C-alpha atoms as a PDB file:
ATOM      1  CA  UNK A   1       6.366  15.740  28.680  1.00  0.00           C
ATOM      2  CA  UNK A   2       9.285  14.476  26.550  1.00  0.00           C
ATOM      3  CA  UNK A   3      11.871  16.554  25.513  1.00  0.00           C
ATOM      4  CA  UNK A   4      14.339  16.400  22.508  1.00  0.00           C
ATOM      5  CA  UNK A   5      15.586  13.379  22.207  1.00  0.00           C
ATOM      6  CA  UNK A   6      13.727  11.738  25.182  1.00  0.00           C
ATOM      7  CA  UNK A   7      11.450   8.724  24.635  1.00  0.00           C
ATOM      8  CA  UNK A   8       7.828   9.825  25.007  1.00  0.00           C
ATOM      9  CA  UNK A   9       5.750   8.323  27.900  1.00  0.00           C
ATOM     10  CA  UNK A  10       3.617   5.159  27.141  1.00  0.00           C
ATOM     11  CA  UNK A  11       0.140   6.639  28.108  1.00  0.00           C
ATOM     12  CA  UNK A  12      -0.318   7.696  24.491  1.00  0.00           C
ATOM     13  CA  UNK A  13      -0.031  10.759  22.756  1.00  0.00           C
ATOM     14  CA  UNK A  14      -2.268  13.823  22.706  1.00  0.00           C
ATOM     15  CA  UNK A  15      -2.610  12.785  18.913  1.00  0.00           C
ATOM     16  CA  UNK A  16      -5.160  10.820  17.517  1.00  0.00           C
ATOM     17  CA  UNK A  17      -4.888   6.934  17.043  1.00  0.00           C
ATOM     18  CA  UNK A  18      -3.737   5.780  13.481  1.00  0.00           C
ATOM     19  CA  UNK A  19      -6.909   4.325  12.486  1.00  0.00           C
ATOM     20  CA  UNK A  20      -9.393   7.038  13.373  1.00  0.00           C
ATOM     21  CA  UNK A  21      -7.315   9.810  10.803  1.00  0.00           C
ATOM     22  CA  UNK A  22     -10.162  10.866   8.134  1.00  0.00           C
ATOM     23  CA  UNK A  23      -9.212  10.115   4.597  1.00  0.00           C
ATOM     24  CA  UNK A  24      -8.385   6.666   2.586  1.00  0.00           C
ATOM     25  CA  UNK A  25      -5.963   4.073   3.670  1.00  0.00           C
ATOM     26  CA  UNK A  26      -3.385   5.719   0.788  1.00  0.00           C
ATOM     27  CA  UNK A  27      -3.720   9.265   2.454  1.00  0.00           C
ATOM     28  CA  UNK A  28      -3.306   7.479   6.000  1.00  0.00           C
ATOM     29  CA  UNK A  29      -0.190   5.838   4.517  1.00  0.00           C
ATOM     30  CA  UNK A  30       1.234   8.854   3.284  1.00  0.00           C
ATOM     31  CA  UNK A  31       1.074  11.063   6.251  1.00  0.00           C
ATOM     32  CA  UNK A  32       2.480   7.655   8.389  1.00  0.00           C
ATOM     33  CA  UNK A  33       5.353   7.739   5.907  1.00  0.00           C
ATOM     34  CA  UNK A  34       6.089  11.697   6.922  1.00  0.00           C
ATOM     35  CA  UNK A  35       5.600  10.938  10.418  1.00  0.00           C
ATOM     36  CA  UNK A  36       8.191   8.286  10.186  1.00  0.00           C
ATOM     37  CA  UNK A  37      10.588  10.629   8.555  1.00  0.00           C
ATOM     38  CA  UNK A  38      10.188   9.921   4.710  1.00  0.00           C
ATOM     39  CA  UNK A  39       9.018  13.439   3.551  1.00  0.00           C
ATOM     40  CA  UNK A  40      10.041  12.639   0.060  1.00  0.00           C
ATOM     41  CA  UNK A  41       8.282   9.520  -0.036  1.00  0.00           C
ATOM     42  CA  UNK A  42       5.366  11.280   1.622  1.00  0.00           C
ATOM     43  CA  UNK A  43       5.247  13.980  -1.417  1.00  0.00           C
ATOM     44  CA  UNK A  44       5.590  11.386  -3.768  1.00  0.00           C
ATOM     45  CA  UNK A  45       2.320   9.611  -2.371  1.00  0.00           C
ATOM     46  CA  UNK A  46       0.228  13.206  -2.036  1.00  0.00           C
ATOM     47  CA  UNK A  47       1.330  13.843  -5.479  1.00  0.00           C
ATOM     48  CA  UNK A  48       0.048  10.577  -6.819  1.00  0.00           C
ATOM     49  CA  UNK A  49      -3.047  10.768  -4.740  1.00  0.00           C
ATOM     50  CA  UNK A  50      -3.846  14.193  -6.328  1.00  0.00           C
ATOM     51  CA  UNK A  51      -3.209  12.918  -9.961  1.00  0.00           C
ATOM     52  CA  UNK A  52      -5.938  10.257  -9.573  1.00  0.00           C
ATOM     53  CA  UNK A  53      -9.421  11.066  -8.821  1.00  0.00           C
ATOM     54  CA  UNK A  54      -9.465  11.551  -5.312  1.00  0.00           C
ATOM     55  CA  UNK A  55     -12.708  12.636  -2.873  1.00  0.00           C
ATOM     56  CA  UNK A  56     -12.876  15.970  -1.803  1.00  0.00           C
ATOM     57  CA  UNK A  57     -11.743  14.672   1.860  1.00  0.00           C
ATOM     58  CA  UNK A  58      -8.450  12.867   0.488  1.00  0.00           C
ATOM     59  CA  UNK A  59      -7.688  15.716  -1.932  1.00  0.00           C
ATOM     60  CA  UNK A  60      -7.968  18.258   0.885  1.00  0.00           C
ATOM     61  CA  UNK A  61      -5.609  15.861   3.265  1.00  0.00           C
ATOM     62  CA  UNK A  62      -3.067  15.288   0.364  1.00  0.00           C
ATOM     63  CA  UNK A  63      -2.969  19.051  -0.240  1.00  0.00           C
ATOM     64  CA  UNK A  64      -2.416  19.627   3.536  1.00  0.00           C
ATOM     65  CA  UNK A  65       0.261  17.067   3.386  1.00  0.00           C
ATOM     66  CA  UNK A  66       2.101  18.830   0.428  1.00  0.00           C
ATOM     67  CA  UNK A  67       1.379  22.116   2.476  1.00  0.00           C
ATOM     68  CA  UNK A  68       3.247  20.644   5.505  1.00  0.00           C
ATOM     69  CA  UNK A  69       6.316  19.277   3.709  1.00  0.00           C
ATOM     70  CA  UNK A  70       7.046  22.233   1.756  1.00  0.00           C
ATOM     71  CA  UNK A  71      10.351  23.799   1.923  1.00  0.00           C
ATOM     72  CA  UNK A  72       9.833  27.279   3.460  1.00  0.00           C
ATOM     73  CA  UNK A  73      10.969  30.078   1.261  1.00  0.00           C
ATOM     74  CA  UNK A  74      13.306  31.665   4.099  1.00  0.00           C
ATOM     75  CA  UNK A  75      15.228  28.920   3.608  1.00  0.00           C
ATOM     76  CA  UNK A  76      16.413  29.749   0.017  1.00  0.00           C
ATOM     77  CA  UNK A  77      16.932  33.200   1.119  1.00  0.00           C
ATOM     78  CA  UNK A  78      19.378  32.157   3.922  1.00  0.00           C
ATOM     79  CA  UNK A  79      21.171  29.903   1.408  1.00  0.00           C
ATOM     80  CA  UNK A  80      21.689  32.971  -1.100  1.00  0.00           C
ATOM     81  CA  UNK A  81      22.963  34.954   1.817  1.00  0.00           C
ATOM     82  CA  UNK A  82      25.388  32.091   2.597  1.00  0.00           C
ATOM     83  CA  UNK A  83      26.354  31.894  -0.687  1.00  0.00           C
ATOM     84  CA  UNK A  84      27.212  35.587  -1.336  1.00  0.00           C
ATOM     85  CA  UNK A  85      29.211  35.541   1.928  1.00  0.00           C
ATOM     86  CA  UNK A  86      31.197  32.763   0.829  1.00  0.00           C
ATOM     87  CA  UNK A  87      31.891  34.213  -2.579  1.00  0.00           C
ATOM     88  CA  UNK A  88      32.854  37.665  -1.109  1.00  0.00           C
ATOM     89  CA  UNK A  89      35.587  35.888   1.464  1.00  0.00           C
ATOM     90  CA  UNK A  90      36.983  33.948  -1.445  1.00  0.00           C
ATOM     91  CA  UNK A  91      37.471  36.999  -3.287  1.00  0.00           C
ATOM     92  CA  UNK A  92      39.132  38.905  -0.741  1.00  0.00           C
ATOM     93  CA  UNK A  93      41.326  36.087  -0.274  1.00  0.00           C
ATOM     94  CA  UNK A  94      42.274  35.594  -3.812  1.00  0.00           C
ATOM     95  CA  UNK A  95      42.783  39.441  -4.055  1.00  0.00           C
ATOM     96  CA  UNK A  96      44.711  39.542  -0.693  1.00  0.00           C
ATOM     97  CA  UNK A  97      47.204  36.368  -1.525  1.00  0.00           C
ATOM     98  CA  UNK A  98      47.650  36.892  -5.291  1.00  0.00           C
END
């Protein structure tokens, strides 16, 4: 089994083959973009698919893609906490040295 940064073995992975994934070619292309690391492009593709009139299967796969690429809410909390701590430290530094 490959660990972080190692190349996985060539014997194939546990995942399905790219052609066997359900959904239309557009949905498979959007998931391929996500797997390649282009999360923003994959989200745009999924939103474009949902803006049209997709089949129920394509709609489900596009919604799954949007769910999988959503920013976790906890991340916003940590960012806010970091900003508050930074502001507190800057305030203490200004009052100490002024």
